[in-house]
Amino acid sequence: MGQRQFVLFGIVGVIALVVGITVASLNDNLTYYLYPNEAVAQKSDFPDGERFRLAGQVVVGSLSEVDNDLEFRVTDGSQSIDVILLNTPPPLFNEDVPVLLDGYWNGDVFTAEEALIRHDENYDVPDEGNYAES
């Protein structure tokens, strides 16, 4: 009986160790995904420099280029946040499009290092285009 208990406790210990390491590594690599109203409400949970993802819609009339960076506002309809995008925006980036930004707070401005465009999976053939008819 003593040897069986020893093996059983060893197995339980190894399983607990694996679960603990997995949870710890997941927690370190987690990136939070917030809308502007949530990001402002939880600003104290994300001090300057701590990364999270911000999702929203680019506000019409807010897009401008300043020193090779893009400045614009992102909204969820109830709250807006000023954003600076440091890297080249993805194709189709424009005003009034949904975006997912990866970055961090820098004071009251969200500094994004990466932007992704959300779009539906449906493709519509344009009425006019550069294609040859057979």
Protein backbone atom coordinates (compact mmCIF):
# COMPACT_ATOMS: atom_id res chain seq x y z
CA MET A 1 0.00 0.00 0.00
CA GLY A 2 2.81 2.44 0.81
CA GLN A 3 4.35 2.19 -2.66
CA ARG A 4 0.98 2.72 -4.37
CA GLN A 5 0.31 5.86 -2.32
CA PHE A 6 3.77 7.17 -3.12
CA VAL A 7 3.20 6.66 -6.88
CA LEU A 8 -0.31 8.17 -6.67
CA PHE A 9 0.98 11.27 -4.85
CA GLY A 10 3.79 11.55 -7.39
CA ILE A 11 1.35 11.48 -10.31
CA VAL A 12 -0.95 14.02 -8.64
CA GLY A 13 2.07 16.23 -7.93
CA VAL A 14 3.23 16.12 -11.56
CA ILE A 15 -0.28 16.92 -12.81
CA ALA A 16 -0.54 19.86 -10.38
CA LEU A 17 2.86 21.12 -11.52
CA VAL A 18 1.90 20.93 -15.22
CA VAL A 19 -1.41 22.73 -14.57
CA GLY A 20 0.37 25.42 -12.52
CA ILE A 21 2.99 26.08 -15.20
CA THR A 22 0.31 26.19 -17.92
CA VAL A 23 -1.84 28.70 -16.00
CA ALA A 24 1.16 30.88 -15.17
CA SER A 25 2.39 30.99 -18.78
CA LEU A 26 -1.11 31.69 -20.12
CA ASN A 27 -1.53 34.57 -17.70
CA ASP A 28 1.78 36.13 -18.78
CA ASN A 29 0.90 35.91 -22.48
CA LEU A 30 -2.72 37.03 -22.23
CA THR A 31 -3.67 40.08 -24.25
CA TYR A 32 -6.90 41.75 -23.17
CA TYR A 33 -9.45 42.88 -25.77
CA LEU A 34 -11.45 45.96 -24.77
CA TYR A 35 -13.83 48.45 -26.36
CA PRO A 36 -13.23 52.15 -25.69
CA ASN A 37 -15.80 52.44 -22.87
CA GLU A 38 -14.25 49.40 -21.13
CA ALA A 39 -10.70 50.64 -21.71
CA VAL A 40 -11.46 54.02 -20.11
CA ALA A 41 -13.33 52.41 -17.20
CA GLN A 42 -10.48 49.93 -16.58
CA LYS A 43 -7.60 52.34 -17.26
CA SER A 44 -6.19 51.83 -13.77
CA ASP A 45 -5.89 48.07 -14.47
CA PHE A 46 -3.62 48.82 -17.46
CA PRO A 47 -0.89 51.29 -16.43
CA ASP A 48 1.09 53.10 -19.12
CA GLY A 49 3.06 50.61 -21.19
CA GLU A 50 0.98 47.51 -20.35
CA ARG A 51 -0.29 45.95 -23.57
CA PHE A 52 -3.88 45.22 -24.45
CA ARG A 53 -6.06 45.24 -27.56
CA LEU A 54 -8.50 48.03 -28.31
CA ALA A 55 -11.43 47.39 -30.65
CA GLY A 56 -13.68 49.99 -32.18
CA GLN A 57 -14.55 52.04 -35.23
CA VAL A 58 -12.36 54.79 -36.69
CA VAL A 59 -14.20 58.10 -36.23
CA VAL A 60 -14.98 59.89 -39.50
CA GLY A 61 -12.95 63.09 -39.90
CA SER A 62 -10.37 62.13 -37.25
CA LEU A 63 -7.68 60.54 -39.46
CA SER A 64 -4.49 62.55 -40.01
CA GLU A 65 -0.81 61.81 -40.67
CA VAL A 66 1.75 63.36 -38.30
CA ASP A 67 5.50 62.59 -38.58
CA ASN A 68 4.99 59.24 -40.41
CA ASP A 69 2.43 58.13 -37.79
CA LEU A 70 -1.34 58.09 -38.09
CA GLU A 71 -3.48 59.88 -35.53
CA PHE A 72 -7.18 59.18 -35.25
CA ARG A 73 -9.98 58.47 -32.79
CA VAL A 74 -11.64 55.11 -32.14
CA THR A 75 -15.16 54.81 -30.77
CA ASP A 76 -17.67 52.19 -29.68
CA GLY A 77 -20.54 54.65 -29.86
CA SER A 78 -20.41 55.64 -26.20
CA GLN A 79 -16.73 56.55 -25.69
CA SER A 80 -13.89 57.73 -27.95
CA ILE A 81 -10.13 57.38 -27.51
CA ASP A 82 -7.30 59.22 -29.27
CA VAL A 83 -4.93 56.79 -31.01
CA ILE A 84 -1.45 57.05 -32.52
CA LEU A 85 -0.57 54.21 -34.92
CA LEU A 86 3.22 53.87 -35.12
CA ASN A 87 3.50 51.35 -37.96
CA THR A 88 2.13 51.21 -41.47
CA PRO A 89 -1.62 50.63 -41.45
CA PRO A 90 -3.01 47.54 -43.14
CA PRO A 91 -4.65 47.73 -46.57
CA LEU A 92 -8.24 48.97 -46.46
CA PHE A 93 -7.53 51.03 -43.33
CA ASN A 94 -9.71 54.12 -43.49
CA GLU A 95 -12.26 56.15 -41.58
CA ASP A 96 -15.49 54.49 -40.50
CA VAL A 97 -14.01 50.95 -40.53
CA PRO A 98 -13.84 48.55 -37.57
CA VAL A 99 -10.30 48.03 -36.28
CA LEU A 100 -8.48 45.96 -33.68
CA LEU A 101 -5.42 47.75 -32.31
CA ASP A 102 -2.58 46.19 -30.33
CA GLY A 103 -0.80 48.64 -28.07
CA TYR A 104 -0.77 50.43 -24.71
CA TRP A 105 -1.79 53.58 -22.87
CA ASN A 106 0.57 56.54 -23.02
CA GLY A 107 -1.20 59.03 -20.79
CA ASP A 108 -4.70 59.48 -22.24
CA VAL A 109 -3.61 58.39 -25.72
CA PHE A 110 -3.59 54.78 -26.91
CA THR A 111 -0.34 54.04 -28.76
CA ALA A 112 -0.87 51.22 -31.25
CA GLU A 113 1.96 49.26 -32.83
CA GLU A 114 -0.29 47.03 -34.92
CA ALA A 115 -3.72 47.42 -36.49
CA LEU A 116 -6.01 44.80 -37.96
CA ILE A 117 -9.10 45.47 -40.04
CA ARG A 118 -12.29 43.58 -39.34
CA HIS A 119 -14.36 42.78 -42.39
CA ASP A 120 -16.94 40.23 -43.42
CA GLU A 121 -16.03 37.15 -45.43
CA ASN A 122 -18.25 38.03 -48.38
CA TYR A 123 -16.64 39.29 -51.55
CA ASP A 124 -18.67 41.38 -53.98
CA VAL A 125 -17.46 41.78 -57.54
CA PRO A 126 -17.25 45.48 -58.37
CA ASP A 127 -19.63 46.85 -61.02
CA GLU A 128 -16.72 48.28 -62.98
CA GLY A 129 -13.20 46.96 -62.94
CA ASN A 130 -10.09 46.04 -64.86
CA TYR A 131 -11.08 42.61 -66.04
CA ALA A 132 -11.33 41.19 -69.52
CA GLU A 133 -14.63 39.83 -70.75
CA SER A 134 -14.52 36.64 -72.79
